[in-house]
Structures are given as C-alpha cells and as structure tokens.
C-alpha cells in the first residue's frame, strides 16, 4: 500500500478544518452576544429601579442642610457656653446678696423688737 498525496483531498480537508473554526467562532460570538444582551437588559432594569439624578441631588441638598445646621448649632453652643457660666456666676452672686440682705433685715428687726 503506497501513500499518495491527493491535492484535492488536502484542499477539502483544509476547507473543512477552516469551516469548522468559522462555525465554532460564530457559535462563541453568538453566545457572547446573547450574554451581552442579558447584561445590558439587567443594567437597564437596575438603572430604572435606581434613584434618578434629581433624587440624588435632592438627597445631597438635604445632607448639606443637615451639616450646615449641625455646624451652626455647635457654633451656637460654643458661644452660649461662656454666657451660661456668666449667668451661673451672677446667680451665685445674687444668692450671696440675698443672704446679706436677709441678715441685715434680721438684725434690724431684732433691734426694733429689742427696743420695744
């Protein structure tokens, strides 16, 4: 048995091999395309269910307002603290003055009752 090279058979074999590669490549590309379509559909679905840009802007505005008010409140607290201490000192001073007035009035009343 002698092996002879048949050019026609070689060409048919090469065409079949290349054809097989092309068919497999198209199958893979179709699967990739279907996967991309599913991914795009899912992204579109998620995008529709997410908040819109206006809602995000509104939430950012609310957050900025809360931060601004909090900062103002803390600034106000820092300014009110010295006033609170001053008022406490005045309160203590007034109590001392009231005690002194009470003792003076008591002495005056005692003197008047002793004189009578």
PDB file of N, CA and C in Angstrom:
ATOM      1  N   UNK A   1       0.822  -1.143   0.000  1.00  0.00           N
ATOM      2  CA  UNK A   1       0.000   0.000   0.000  1.00  0.00           C
ATOM      3  C   UNK A   1       0.890   1.238   0.000  1.00  0.00           C
ATOM      4  N   UNK A   2       0.694   2.000  -0.965  1.00  0.00           N
ATOM      5  CA  UNK A   2       1.529   3.169  -1.144  1.00  0.00           C
ATOM      6  C   UNK A   2       0.678   4.411  -0.849  1.00  0.00           C
ATOM      7  N   UNK A   3       1.308   5.306  -0.113  1.00  0.00           N
ATOM      8  CA  UNK A   3       0.603   6.533   0.260  1.00  0.00           C
ATOM      9  C   UNK A   3       0.837   7.569  -0.817  1.00  0.00           C
ATOM     10  N   UNK A   4      -0.232   8.044  -1.401  1.00  0.00           N
ATOM     11  CA  UNK A   4      -0.097   9.066  -2.431  1.00  0.00           C
ATOM     12  C   UNK A   4      -0.754  10.342  -1.946  1.00  0.00           C
ATOM     13  N   UNK A   5      -0.164  11.429  -2.326  1.00  0.00           N
ATOM     14  CA  UNK A   5      -0.676  12.728  -1.915  1.00  0.00           C
ATOM     15  C   UNK A   5      -1.729  13.141  -2.901  1.00  0.00           C
ATOM     16  N   UNK A   6      -2.908  13.329  -2.402  1.00  0.00           N
ATOM     17  CA  UNK A   6      -4.007  13.778  -3.248  1.00  0.00           C
ATOM     18  C   UNK A   6      -4.284  15.229  -2.890  1.00  0.00           C
ATOM     19  N   UNK A   7      -4.030  16.133  -3.799  1.00  0.00           N
ATOM     20  CA  UNK A   7      -4.188  17.564  -3.564  1.00  0.00           C
ATOM     21  C   UNK A   7      -5.637  17.923  -3.312  1.00  0.00           C
ATOM     22  N   UNK A   8      -6.544  17.288  -4.010  1.00  0.00           N
ATOM     23  CA  UNK A   8      -7.961  17.579  -3.829  1.00  0.00           C
ATOM     24  C   UNK A   8      -8.437  17.224  -2.439  1.00  0.00           C
ATOM     25  N   UNK A   9      -7.956  16.078  -1.937  1.00  0.00           N
ATOM     26  CA  UNK A   9      -8.350  15.658  -0.591  1.00  0.00           C
ATOM     27  C   UNK A   9      -7.766  16.602   0.453  1.00  0.00           C
ATOM     28  N   UNK A  10      -6.560  17.085   0.210  1.00  0.00           N
ATOM     29  CA  UNK A  10      -5.921  18.012   1.132  1.00  0.00           C
ATOM     30  C   UNK A  10      -6.673  19.335   1.178  1.00  0.00           C
ATOM     31  N   UNK A  11      -7.098  19.788   0.010  1.00  0.00           N
ATOM     32  CA  UNK A  11      -7.848  21.046  -0.042  1.00  0.00           C
ATOM     33  C   UNK A  11      -9.183  20.880   0.654  1.00  0.00           C
ATOM     34  N   UNK A  12      -9.861  19.792   0.409  1.00  0.00           N
ATOM     35  CA  UNK A  12     -11.151  19.529   1.063  1.00  0.00           C
ATOM     36  C   UNK A  12     -10.948  19.458   2.572  1.00  0.00           C
ATOM     37  N   UNK A  13      -9.891  18.796   3.022  1.00  0.00           N
ATOM     38  CA  UNK A  13      -9.605  18.705   4.457  1.00  0.00           C
ATOM     39  C   UNK A  13      -9.320  20.066   5.070  1.00  0.00           C
ATOM     40  N   UNK A  14      -8.539  20.899   4.361  1.00  0.00           N
ATOM     41  CA  UNK A  14      -8.217  22.238   4.853  1.00  0.00           C
ATOM     42  C   UNK A  14      -9.463  23.105   4.908  1.00  0.00           C
ATOM     43  N   UNK A  15     -10.312  23.020   3.891  1.00  0.00           N
ATOM     44  CA  UNK A  15     -11.562  23.788   3.875  1.00  0.00           C
ATOM     45  C   UNK A  15     -12.465  23.335   5.012  1.00  0.00           C
ATOM     46  N   UNK A  16     -12.533  22.046   5.241  1.00  0.00           N
ATOM     47  CA  UNK A  16     -13.359  21.524   6.328  1.00  0.00           C
ATOM     48  C   UNK A  16     -12.834  22.020   7.676  1.00  0.00           C
ATOM     49  N   UNK A  17     -11.510  22.007   7.836  1.00  0.00           N
ATOM     50  CA  UNK A  17     -10.914  22.473   9.090  1.00  0.00           C
ATOM     51  C   UNK A  17     -11.187  23.955   9.312  1.00  0.00           C
ATOM     52  N   UNK A  18     -10.977  24.780   8.298  1.00  0.00           N
ATOM     53  CA  UNK A  18     -11.239  26.222   8.399  1.00  0.00           C
ATOM     54  C   UNK A  18     -12.732  26.458   8.608  1.00  0.00           C
ATOM     55  N   UNK A  19     -13.565  25.705   7.897  1.00  0.00           N
ATOM     56  CA  UNK A  19     -15.019  25.831   8.079  1.00  0.00           C
ATOM     57  C   UNK A  19     -15.428  25.497   9.502  1.00  0.00           C
ATOM     58  N   UNK A  20     -14.807  24.494  10.078  1.00  0.00           N
ATOM     59  CA  UNK A  20     -15.100  24.131  11.467  1.00  0.00           C
ATOM     60  C   UNK A  20     -14.720  25.243  12.427  1.00  0.00           C
ATOM     61  N   UNK A  21     -13.557  25.877  12.170  1.00  0.00           N
ATOM     62  CA  UNK A  21     -13.143  27.003  13.004  1.00  0.00           C
ATOM     63  C   UNK A  21     -14.128  28.172  12.880  1.00  0.00           C
ATOM     64  N   UNK A  22     -14.571  28.428  11.651  1.00  0.00           N
ATOM     65  CA  UNK A  22     -15.509  29.540  11.437  1.00  0.00           C
ATOM     66  C   UNK A  22     -16.836  29.268  12.135  1.00  0.00           C
ATOM     67  N   UNK A  23     -17.348  28.053  12.001  1.00  0.00           N
ATOM     68  CA  UNK A  23     -18.624  27.709  12.649  1.00  0.00           C
ATOM     69  C   UNK A  23     -18.502  27.840  14.162  1.00  0.00           C
ATOM     70  N   UNK A  24     -17.409  27.311  14.721  1.00  0.00           N
ATOM     71  CA  UNK A  24     -17.215  27.394  16.181  1.00  0.00           C
ATOM     72  C   UNK A  24     -17.061  28.844  16.631  1.00  0.00           C
ATOM     73  N   UNK A  25     -16.351  29.640  15.843  1.00  0.00           N
ATOM     74  CA  UNK A  25     -16.169  31.054  16.176  1.00  0.00           C
ATOM     75  C   UNK A  25     -17.513  31.776  16.186  1.00  0.00           C
ATOM     76  N   UNK A  26     -18.354  31.484  15.201  1.00  0.00           N
ATOM     77  CA  UNK A  26     -19.673  32.135  15.152  1.00  0.00           C
ATOM     78  C   UNK A  26     -20.544  31.702  16.322  1.00  0.00           C
ATOM     79  N   UNK A  27     -20.451  30.440  16.737  1.00  0.00           N
ATOM     80  CA  UNK A  27     -21.223  29.977  17.892  1.00  0.00           C
ATOM     81  C   UNK A  27     -20.779  30.703  19.164  1.00  0.00           C
ATOM     82  N   UNK A  28     -19.465  30.840  19.323  1.00  0.00           N
ATOM     83  CA  UNK A  28     -18.939  31.539  20.503  1.00  0.00           C
ATOM     84  C   UNK A  28     -19.362  33.007  20.478  1.00  0.00           C
ATOM     85  N   UNK A  29     -19.267  33.640  19.307  1.00  0.00           N
ATOM     86  CA  UNK A  29     -19.654  35.054  19.209  1.00  0.00           C
ATOM     87  C   UNK A  29     -21.147  35.236  19.473  1.00  0.00           C
ATOM     88  N   UNK A  30     -21.991  34.304  19.014  1.00  0.00           N
ATOM     89  CA  UNK A  30     -23.424  34.384  19.276  1.00  0.00           C
ATOM     90  C   UNK A  30     -23.690  34.252  20.776  1.00  0.00           C
ATOM     91  N   UNK A  31     -22.999  33.336  21.450  1.00  0.00           N
ATOM     92  CA  UNK A  31     -23.173  33.159  22.902  1.00  0.00           C
ATOM     93  C   UNK A  31     -22.730  34.421  23.649  1.00  0.00           C
ATOM     94  N   UNK A  32     -21.622  35.011  23.192  1.00  0.00           N
ATOM     95  CA  UNK A  32     -21.159  36.257  23.822  1.00  0.00           C
ATOM     96  C   UNK A  32     -22.179  37.364  23.605  1.00  0.00           C
ATOM     97  N   UNK A  33     -22.712  37.460  22.393  1.00  0.00           N
ATOM     98  CA  UNK A  33     -23.717  38.482  22.099  1.00  0.00           C
ATOM     99  C   UNK A  33     -24.967  38.318  22.942  1.00  0.00           C
ATOM    100  N   UNK A  34     -25.436  37.081  23.104  1.00  0.00           N
ATOM    101  CA  UNK A  34     -26.607  36.834  23.948  1.00  0.00           C
ATOM    102  C   UNK A  34     -26.319  37.213  25.400  1.00  0.00           C
ATOM    103  N   UNK A  35     -25.113  36.887  25.874  1.00  0.00           N
ATOM    104  CA  UNK A  35     -24.732  37.259  27.242  1.00  0.00           C
ATOM    105  C   UNK A  35     -24.673  38.763  27.418  1.00  0.00           C
ATOM    106  N   UNK A  36     -24.125  39.458  26.391  1.00  0.00           N
ATOM    107  CA  UNK A  36     -24.084  40.924  26.449  1.00  0.00           C
ATOM    108  C   UNK A  36     -25.488  41.506  26.482  1.00  0.00           C
ATOM    109  N   UNK A  37     -26.384  40.913  25.669  1.00  0.00           N
ATOM    110  CA  UNK A  37     -27.769  41.392  25.660  1.00  0.00           C
ATOM    111  C   UNK A  37     -28.422  41.230  27.018  1.00  0.00           C
ATOM    112  N   UNK A  38     -28.182  40.096  27.677  1.00  0.00           N
ATOM    113  CA  UNK A  38     -28.746  39.869  29.013  1.00  0.00           C
ATOM    114  C   UNK A  38     -28.162  40.858  30.022  1.00  0.00           C
ATOM    115  N   UNK A  39     -26.870  41.093  29.906  1.00  0.00           N
ATOM    116  CA  UNK A  39     -26.219  42.033  30.832  1.00  0.00           C
ATOM    117  C   UNK A  39     -26.772  43.435  30.623  1.00  0.00           C
ATOM    118  N   UNK A  40     -26.905  43.860  29.371  1.00  0.00           N
ATOM    119  CA  UNK A  40     -27.443  45.199  29.099  1.00  0.00           C
ATOM    120  C   UNK A  40     -28.884  45.324  29.583  1.00  0.00           C
ATOM    121  N   UNK A  41     -29.664  44.277  29.394  1.00  0.00           N
ATOM    122  CA  UNK A  41     -31.051  44.306  29.873  1.00  0.00           C
ATOM    123  C   UNK A  41     -31.083  44.432  31.390  1.00  0.00           C
ATOM    124  N   UNK A  42     -30.220  43.708  32.077  1.00  0.00           N
ATOM    125  CA  UNK A  42     -30.172  43.767  33.545  1.00  0.00           C
ATOM    126  C   UNK A  42     -29.710  45.141  34.018  1.00  0.00           C
ATOM    127  N   UNK A  43     -28.712  45.708  33.339  1.00  0.00           N
ATOM    128  CA  UNK A  43     -28.232  47.046  33.713  1.00  0.00           C
ATOM    129  C   UNK A  43     -29.336  48.074  33.498  1.00  0.00           C
ATOM    130  N   UNK A  44     -30.065  47.963  32.384  1.00  0.00           N
ATOM    131  CA  UNK A  44     -31.178  48.892  32.145  1.00  0.00           C
ATOM    132  C   UNK A  44     -32.242  48.757  33.219  1.00  0.00           C
ATOM    133  N   UNK A  45     -32.533  47.523  33.620  1.00  0.00           N
ATOM    134  CA  UNK A  45     -33.534  47.282  34.656  1.00  0.00           C
ATOM    135  C   UNK A  45     -33.081  47.892  35.984  1.00  0.00           C
ATOM    136  N   UNK A  46     -31.819  47.686  36.309  1.00  0.00           N
ATOM    137  CA  UNK A  46     -31.301  48.251  37.561  1.00  0.00           C
ATOM    138  C   UNK A  46     -31.250  49.766  37.516  1.00  0.00           C
ATOM    139  N   UNK A  47     -30.930  50.320  36.357  1.00  0.00           N
ATOM    140  CA  UNK A  47     -30.866  51.775  36.219  1.00  0.00           C
ATOM    141  C   UNK A  47     -32.243  52.388  36.424  1.00  0.00           C
ATOM    142  N   UNK A  48     -33.275  51.727  35.904  1.00  0.00           N
ATOM    143  CA  UNK A  48     -34.628  52.248  36.072  1.00  0.00           C
ATOM    144  C   UNK A  48     -35.073  52.167  37.520  1.00  0.00           C
ATOM    145  N   UNK A  49     -34.623  51.155  38.248  1.00  0.00           N
ATOM    146  CA  UNK A  49     -35.053  50.994  39.631  1.00  0.00           C
ATOM    147  C   UNK A  49     -34.242  51.854  40.589  1.00  0.00           C
ATOM    148  N   UNK A  50     -33.107  52.371  40.143  1.00  0.00           N
ATOM    149  CA  UNK A  50     -32.273  53.212  40.997  1.00  0.00           C
ATOM    150  C   UNK A  50     -32.854  54.618  41.057  1.00  0.00           C
ATOM    151  N   UNK A  51     -32.325  55.402  41.990  1.00  0.00           N
ATOM    152  CA  UNK A  51     -32.777  56.777  42.113  1.00  0.00           C
ATOM    153  C   UNK A  51     -32.296  57.585  40.916  1.00  0.00           C
ATOM    154  N   UNK A  52     -33.058  58.596  40.578  1.00  0.00           N
ATOM    155  CA  UNK A  52     -32.685  59.449  39.461  1.00  0.00           C
ATOM    156  C   UNK A  52     -31.697  60.508  39.932  1.00  0.00           C
ATOM    157  N   UNK A  53     -31.133  61.238  38.990  1.00  0.00           N
ATOM    158  CA  UNK A  53     -30.159  62.280  39.331  1.00  0.00           C
ATOM    159  C   UNK A  53     -30.815  63.361  40.184  1.00  0.00           C
ATOM    160  N   UNK A  54     -32.084  63.690  39.887  1.00  0.00           N
ATOM    161  CA  UNK A  54     -32.780  64.705  40.681  1.00  0.00           C
ATOM    162  C   UNK A  54     -32.950  64.250  42.125  1.00  0.00           C
ATOM    163  N   UNK A  55     -33.258  62.977  42.332  1.00  0.00           N
ATOM    164  CA  UNK A  55     -33.404  62.467  43.691  1.00  0.00           C
ATOM    165  C   UNK A  55     -32.080  62.489  44.426  1.00  0.00           C
ATOM    166  N   UNK A  56     -30.995  62.151  43.710  1.00  0.00           N
ATOM    167  CA  UNK A  56     -29.669  62.196  44.329  1.00  0.00           C
ATOM    168  C   UNK A  56     -29.321  63.635  44.696  1.00  0.00           C
ATOM    169  N   UNK A  57     -29.608  64.579  43.808  1.00  0.00           N
ATOM    170  CA  UNK A  57     -29.345  65.988  44.101  1.00  0.00           C
ATOM    171  C   UNK A  57     -30.162  66.454  45.302  1.00  0.00           C
ATOM    172  N   UNK A  58     -31.423  66.015  45.364  1.00  0.00           N
ATOM    173  CA  UNK A  58     -32.283  66.404  46.497  1.00  0.00           C
ATOM    174  C   UNK A  58     -31.732  65.845  47.808  1.00  0.00           C
ATOM    175  N   UNK A  59     -31.280  64.585  47.788  1.00  0.00           N
ATOM    176  CA  UNK A  59     -30.703  63.989  48.995  1.00  0.00           C
ATOM    177  C   UNK A  59     -29.411  64.696  49.381  1.00  0.00           C
ATOM    178  N   UNK A  60     -28.600  65.066  48.395  1.00  0.00           N
ATOM    179  CA  UNK A  60     -27.369  65.805  48.699  1.00  0.00           C
ATOM    180  C   UNK A  60     -27.687  67.164  49.302  1.00  0.00           C
ATOM    181  N   UNK A  61     -28.726  67.831  48.798  1.00  0.00           N
ATOM    182  CA  UNK A  61     -29.124  69.121  49.367  1.00  0.00           C
ATOM    183  C   UNK A  61     -29.571  68.960  50.811  1.00  0.00           C
ATOM    184  N   UNK A  62     -30.357  67.903  51.089  1.00  0.00           N
ATOM    185  CA  UNK A  62     -30.789  67.661  52.467  1.00  0.00           C
ATOM    186  C   UNK A  62     -29.593  67.395  53.380  1.00  0.00           C
ATOM    187  N   UNK A  63     -28.639  66.606  52.878  1.00  0.00           N
ATOM    188  CA  UNK A  63     -27.449  66.303  53.669  1.00  0.00           C
ATOM    189  C   UNK A  63     -26.655  67.574  53.944  1.00  0.00           C
ATOM    190  N   UNK A  64     -26.510  68.414  52.927  1.00  0.00           N
ATOM    191  CA  UNK A  64     -25.785  69.678  53.119  1.00  0.00           C
ATOM    192  C   UNK A  64     -26.489  70.562  54.138  1.00  0.00           C
ATOM    193  N   UNK A  65     -27.826  70.596  54.078  1.00  0.00           N
ATOM    194  CA  UNK A  65     -28.586  71.409  55.022  1.00  0.00           C
ATOM    195  C   UNK A  65     -28.409  70.891  56.447  1.00  0.00           C
ATOM    196  N   UNK A  66     -28.438  69.577  56.621  1.00  0.00           N
ATOM    197  CA  UNK A  66     -28.251  68.997  57.953  1.00  0.00           C
ATOM    198  C   UNK A  66     -26.860  69.325  58.484  1.00  0.00           C
ATOM    199  N   UNK A  67     -25.860  69.188  57.619  1.00  0.00           N
ATOM    200  CA  UNK A  67     -24.491  69.504  58.044  1.00  0.00           C
ATOM    201  C   UNK A  67     -24.384  70.974  58.420  1.00  0.00           C
ATOM    202  N   UNK A  68     -24.992  71.836  57.614  1.00  0.00           N
ATOM    203  CA  UNK A  68     -24.941  73.281  57.879  1.00  0.00           C
ATOM    204  C   UNK A  68     -25.609  73.605  59.215  1.00  0.00           C
ATOM    205  N   UNK A  69     -26.791  73.018  59.448  1.00  0.00           N
ATOM    206  CA  UNK A  69     -27.497  73.286  60.699  1.00  0.00           C
ATOM    207  C   UNK A  69     -26.742  72.721  61.891  1.00  0.00           C
ATOM    208  N   UNK A  70     -26.145  71.560  61.732  1.00  0.00           N
ATOM    209  CA  UNK A  70     -25.385  70.977  62.829  1.00  0.00           C
ATOM    210  C   UNK A  70     -24.197  71.851  63.174  1.00  0.00           C
ATOM    211  N   UNK A  71     -23.508  72.320  62.156  1.00  0.00           N
ATOM    212  CA  UNK A  71     -22.350  73.184  62.397  1.00  0.00           C
ATOM    213  C   UNK A  71     -22.802  74.462  63.070  1.00  0.00           C
ATOM    214  N   UNK A  72     -23.912  75.036  62.622  1.00  0.00           N
ATOM    215  CA  UNK A  72     -24.399  76.256  63.250  1.00  0.00           C
ATOM    216  C   UNK A  72     -24.778  75.994  64.704  1.00  0.00           C
ATOM    217  N   UNK A  73     -25.386  74.835  64.983  1.00  0.00           N
ATOM    218  CA  UNK A  73     -25.775  74.512  66.353  1.00  0.00           C
ATOM    219  C   UNK A  73     -24.545  74.358  67.233  1.00  0.00           C
ATOM    220  N   UNK A  74     -23.521  73.700  66.713  1.00  0.00           N
ATOM    221  CA  UNK A  74     -22.318  73.541  67.522  1.00  0.00           C
ATOM    222  C   UNK A  74     -21.629  74.882  67.736  1.00  0.00           C
ATOM    223  N   UNK A  75     -21.653  75.735  66.716  1.00  0.00           N
ATOM    224  CA  UNK A  75     -21.100  77.078  66.892  1.00  0.00           C
ATOM    225  C   UNK A  75     -21.896  77.841  67.937  1.00  0.00           C
ATOM    226  N   UNK A  76     -23.214  77.724  67.878  1.00  0.00           N
ATOM    227  CA  UNK A  76     -24.067  78.393  68.850  1.00  0.00           C
ATOM    228  C   UNK A  76     -23.771  77.880  70.254  1.00  0.00           C
ATOM    229  N   UNK A  77     -23.631  76.566  70.399  1.00  0.00           N
ATOM    230  CA  UNK A  77     -23.315  76.000  71.710  1.00  0.00           C
ATOM    231  C   UNK A  77     -21.990  76.537  72.239  1.00  0.00           C
ATOM    232  N   UNK A  78     -21.003  76.653  71.358  1.00  0.00           N
ATOM    233  CA  UNK A  78     -19.706  77.160  71.818  1.00  0.00           C
ATOM    234  C   UNK A  78     -19.799  78.625  72.232  1.00  0.00           C
ATOM    235  N   UNK A  79     -20.709  79.385  71.611  1.00  0.00           N
ATOM    236  CA  UNK A  79     -20.884  80.785  72.002  1.00  0.00           C
ATOM    237  C   UNK A  79     -21.742  80.919  73.260  1.00  0.00           C
ATOM    238  N   UNK A  80     -22.664  79.983  73.451  1.00  0.00           N
ATOM    239  CA  UNK A  80     -23.543  80.061  74.621  1.00  0.00           C
ATOM    240  C   UNK A  80     -22.860  79.596  75.906  1.00  0.00           C
ATOM    241  N   UNK A  81     -21.852  78.792  75.789  1.00  0.00           N
ATOM    242  CA  UNK A  81     -21.181  78.253  76.982  1.00  0.00           C
ATOM    243  C   UNK A  81     -20.629  79.363  77.889  1.00  0.00           C
ATOM    244  N   UNK A  82     -19.918  80.356  77.363  1.00  0.00           N
ATOM    245  CA  UNK A  82     -19.461  81.440  78.248  1.00  0.00           C
ATOM    246  C   UNK A  82     -20.627  82.206  78.878  1.00  0.00           C
ATOM    247  N   UNK A  83     -21.709  82.352  78.123  1.00  0.00           N
ATOM    248  CA  UNK A  83     -22.875  83.052  78.682  1.00  0.00           C
ATOM    249  C   UNK A  83     -23.479  82.250  79.833  1.00  0.00           C
ATOM    250  N   UNK A  84     -23.508  80.928  79.690  1.00  0.00           N
ATOM    251  CA  UNK A  84     -24.036  80.091  80.772  1.00  0.00           C
ATOM    252  C   UNK A  84     -23.201  80.239  82.036  1.00  0.00           C
ATOM    253  N   UNK A  85     -21.889  80.226  81.880  1.00  0.00           N
ATOM    254  CA  UNK A  85     -21.030  80.366  83.068  1.00  0.00           C
ATOM    255  C   UNK A  85     -21.207  81.739  83.699  1.00  0.00           C
ATOM    256  N   UNK A  86     -21.355  82.766  82.882  1.00  0.00           N
ATOM    257  CA  UNK A  86     -21.578  84.113  83.415  1.00  0.00           C
ATOM    258  C   UNK A  86     -22.893  84.177  84.184  1.00  0.00           C
ATOM    259  N   UNK A  87     -23.947  83.576  83.643  1.00  0.00           N
ATOM    260  CA  UNK A  87     -25.232  83.564  84.333  1.00  0.00           C
ATOM    261  C   UNK A  87     -25.161  82.792  85.646  1.00  0.00           C
ATOM    262  N   UNK A  88     -24.410  81.699  85.661  1.00  0.00           N
ATOM    263  CA  UNK A  88     -24.242  80.946  86.901  1.00  0.00           C
ATOM    264  C   UNK A  88     -23.529  81.797  87.952  1.00  0.00           C
ATOM    265  N   UNK A  89     -22.505  82.533  87.535  1.00  0.00           N
ATOM    266  CA  UNK A  89     -21.792  83.404  88.471  1.00  0.00           C
ATOM    267  C   UNK A  89     -22.713  84.494  89.005  1.00  0.00           C
ATOM    268  N   UNK A  90     -23.545  85.048  88.120  1.00  0.00           N
ATOM    269  CA  UNK A  90     -24.500  86.070  88.556  1.00  0.00           C
ATOM    270  C   UNK A  90     -25.495  85.461  89.549  1.00  0.00           C
ATOM    271  N   UNK A  91     -25.940  84.241  89.273  1.00  0.00           N
ATOM    272  CA  UNK A  91     -26.881  83.583  90.173  1.00  0.00           C
ATOM    273  C   UNK A  91     -26.263  83.389  91.560  1.00  0.00           C
ATOM    274  N   UNK A  92     -25.028  82.935  91.604  1.00  0.00           N
ATOM    275  CA  UNK A  92     -24.353  82.749  92.889  1.00  0.00           C
ATOM    276  C   UNK A  92     -24.206  84.088  93.604  1.00  0.00           C
ATOM    277  N   UNK A  93     -23.854  85.108  92.855  1.00  0.00           N
ATOM    278  CA  UNK A  93     -23.695  86.438  93.440  1.00  0.00           C
ATOM    279  C   UNK A  93     -25.016  86.959  94.001  1.00  0.00           C
ATOM    280  N   UNK A  94     -26.105  86.733  93.285  1.00  0.00           N
ATOM    281  CA  UNK A  94     -27.420  87.179  93.763  1.00  0.00           C
ATOM    282  C   UNK A  94     -27.820  86.436  95.037  1.00  0.00           C
ATOM    283  N   UNK A  95     -27.514  85.161  95.122  1.00  0.00           N
ATOM    284  CA  UNK A  95     -27.820  84.413  96.344  1.00  0.00           C
ATOM    285  C   UNK A  95     -27.059  84.981  97.535  1.00  0.00           C
ATOM    286  N   UNK A  96     -25.790  85.290  97.302  1.00  0.00           N
ATOM    287  CA  UNK A  96     -24.997  85.883  98.388  1.00  0.00           C
ATOM    288  C   UNK A  96     -25.581  87.224  98.815  1.00  0.00           C
ATOM    289  N   UNK A  97     -25.973  88.034  97.842  1.00  0.00           N
ATOM    290  CA  UNK A  97     -26.577  89.334  98.159  1.00  0.00           C
ATOM    291  C   UNK A  97     -27.879  89.158  98.923  1.00  0.00           C
ATOM    292  N   UNK A  98     -28.688  88.194  98.531  1.00  0.00           N
ATOM    293  CA  UNK A  98     -29.950  87.937  99.242  1.00  0.00           C
ATOM    294  C   UNK A  98     -29.687  87.501 100.683  1.00  0.00           C
ATOM    295  N   UNK A  99     -28.675  86.664 100.887  1.00  0.00           N
ATOM    296  CA  UNK A  99     -28.331  86.253 102.260  1.00  0.00           C
ATOM    297  C   UNK A  99     -27.903  87.460 103.094  1.00  0.00           C
ATOM    298  N   UNK A 100     -27.094  88.304 102.521  1.00  0.00           N
ATOM    299  CA  UNK A 100     -26.642  89.502 103.243  1.00  0.00           C
ATOM    300  C   UNK A 100     -27.825  90.406 103.598  1.00  0.00           C
ATOM    301  N   UNK A 101     -28.705  90.608 102.601  1.00  0.00           N
ATOM    302  CA  UNK A 101     -29.888  91.446 102.856  1.00  0.00           C
ATOM    303  C   UNK A 101     -30.740  90.817 103.946  1.00  0.00           C
ATOM    304  N   UNK A 102     -30.901  89.509 103.888  1.00  0.00           N
ATOM    305  CA  UNK A 102     -31.677  88.822 104.921  1.00  0.00           C
ATOM    306  C   UNK A 102     -31.053  89.008 106.304  1.00  0.00           C
ATOM    307  N   UNK A 103     -29.745  88.886 106.403  1.00  0.00           N
ATOM    308  CA  UNK A 103     -29.094  89.058 107.704  1.00  0.00           C
ATOM    309  C   UNK A 103     -29.224  90.493 108.205  1.00  0.00           C
ATOM    310  N   UNK A 104     -29.112  91.454 107.290  1.00  0.00           N
ATOM    311  CA  UNK A 104     -29.266  92.861 107.696  1.00  0.00           C
ATOM    312  C   UNK A 104     -30.699  93.116 108.152  1.00  0.00           C
ATOM    313  N   UNK A 105     -31.664  92.614 107.405  1.00  0.00           N
ATOM    314  CA  UNK A 105     -33.067  92.801 107.791  1.00  0.00           C
ATOM    315  C   UNK A 105     -33.366  92.112 109.126  1.00  0.00           C
ATOM    316  N   UNK A 106     -32.770  90.978 109.334  1.00  0.00           N
ATOM    317  CA  UNK A 106     -32.965  90.269 110.589  1.00  0.00           C
ATOM    318  C   UNK A 106     -32.425  91.088 111.764  1.00  0.00           C
ATOM    319  N   UNK A 107     -31.244  91.656 111.560  1.00  0.00           N
ATOM    320  CA  UNK A 107     -30.645  92.473 112.617  1.00  0.00           C
ATOM    321  C   UNK A 107     -31.501  93.697 112.910  1.00  0.00           C
ATOM    322  N   UNK A 108     -32.017  94.315 111.843  1.00  0.00           N
ATOM    323  CA  UNK A 108     -32.868  95.492 112.033  1.00  0.00           C
ATOM    324  C   UNK A 108     -34.138  95.120 112.776  1.00  0.00           C
ATOM    325  N   UNK A 109     -34.747  93.997 112.416  1.00  0.00           N
ATOM    326  CA  UNK A 109     -35.953  93.553 113.098  1.00  0.00           C
ATOM    327  C   UNK A 109     -35.663  93.197 114.560  1.00  0.00           C
ATOM    328  N   UNK A 110     -34.526  92.559 114.792  1.00  0.00           N
ATOM    329  CA  UNK A 110     -34.164  92.212 116.158  1.00  0.00           C
ATOM    330  C   UNK A 110     -33.937  93.471 116.985  1.00  0.00           C
ATOM    331  N   UNK A 111     -33.300  94.458 116.416  1.00  0.00           N
ATOM    332  CA  UNK A 111     -33.070  95.718 117.118  1.00  0.00           C
ATOM    333  C   UNK A 111     -34.382  96.416 117.426  1.00  0.00           C
ATOM    334  N   UNK A 112     -35.316  96.416 116.504  1.00  0.00           N
ATOM    335  CA  UNK A 112     -36.596  97.073 116.714  1.00  0.00           C
ATOM    336  C   UNK A 112     -37.418  96.353 117.781  1.00  0.00           C
ATOM    337  N   UNK A 113     -37.370  95.011 117.750  1.00  0.00           N
ATOM    338  CA  UNK A 113     -38.132  94.263 118.738  1.00  0.00           C
ATOM    339  C   UNK A 113     -37.491  94.419 120.130  1.00  0.00           C
ATOM    340  N   UNK A 114     -36.166  94.559 120.181  1.00  0.00           N
ATOM    341  CA  UNK A 114     -35.497  94.740 121.446  1.00  0.00           C
ATOM    342  C   UNK A 114     -35.772  96.147 122.008  1.00  0.00           C
ATOM    343  N   UNK A 115     -35.947  97.104 121.156  1.00  0.00           N
ATOM    344  CA  UNK A 115     -36.215  98.466 121.575  1.00  0.00           C
ATOM    345  C   UNK A 115     -37.639  98.635 122.063  1.00  0.00           C
ATOM    346  N   UNK A 116     -38.513  97.814 121.617  1.00  0.00           N
ATOM    347  CA  UNK A 116     -39.910  97.977 122.000  1.00  0.00           C
ATOM    348  C   UNK A 116     -40.210  97.430 123.330  1.00  0.00           C
TER     349      UNK A 116
END
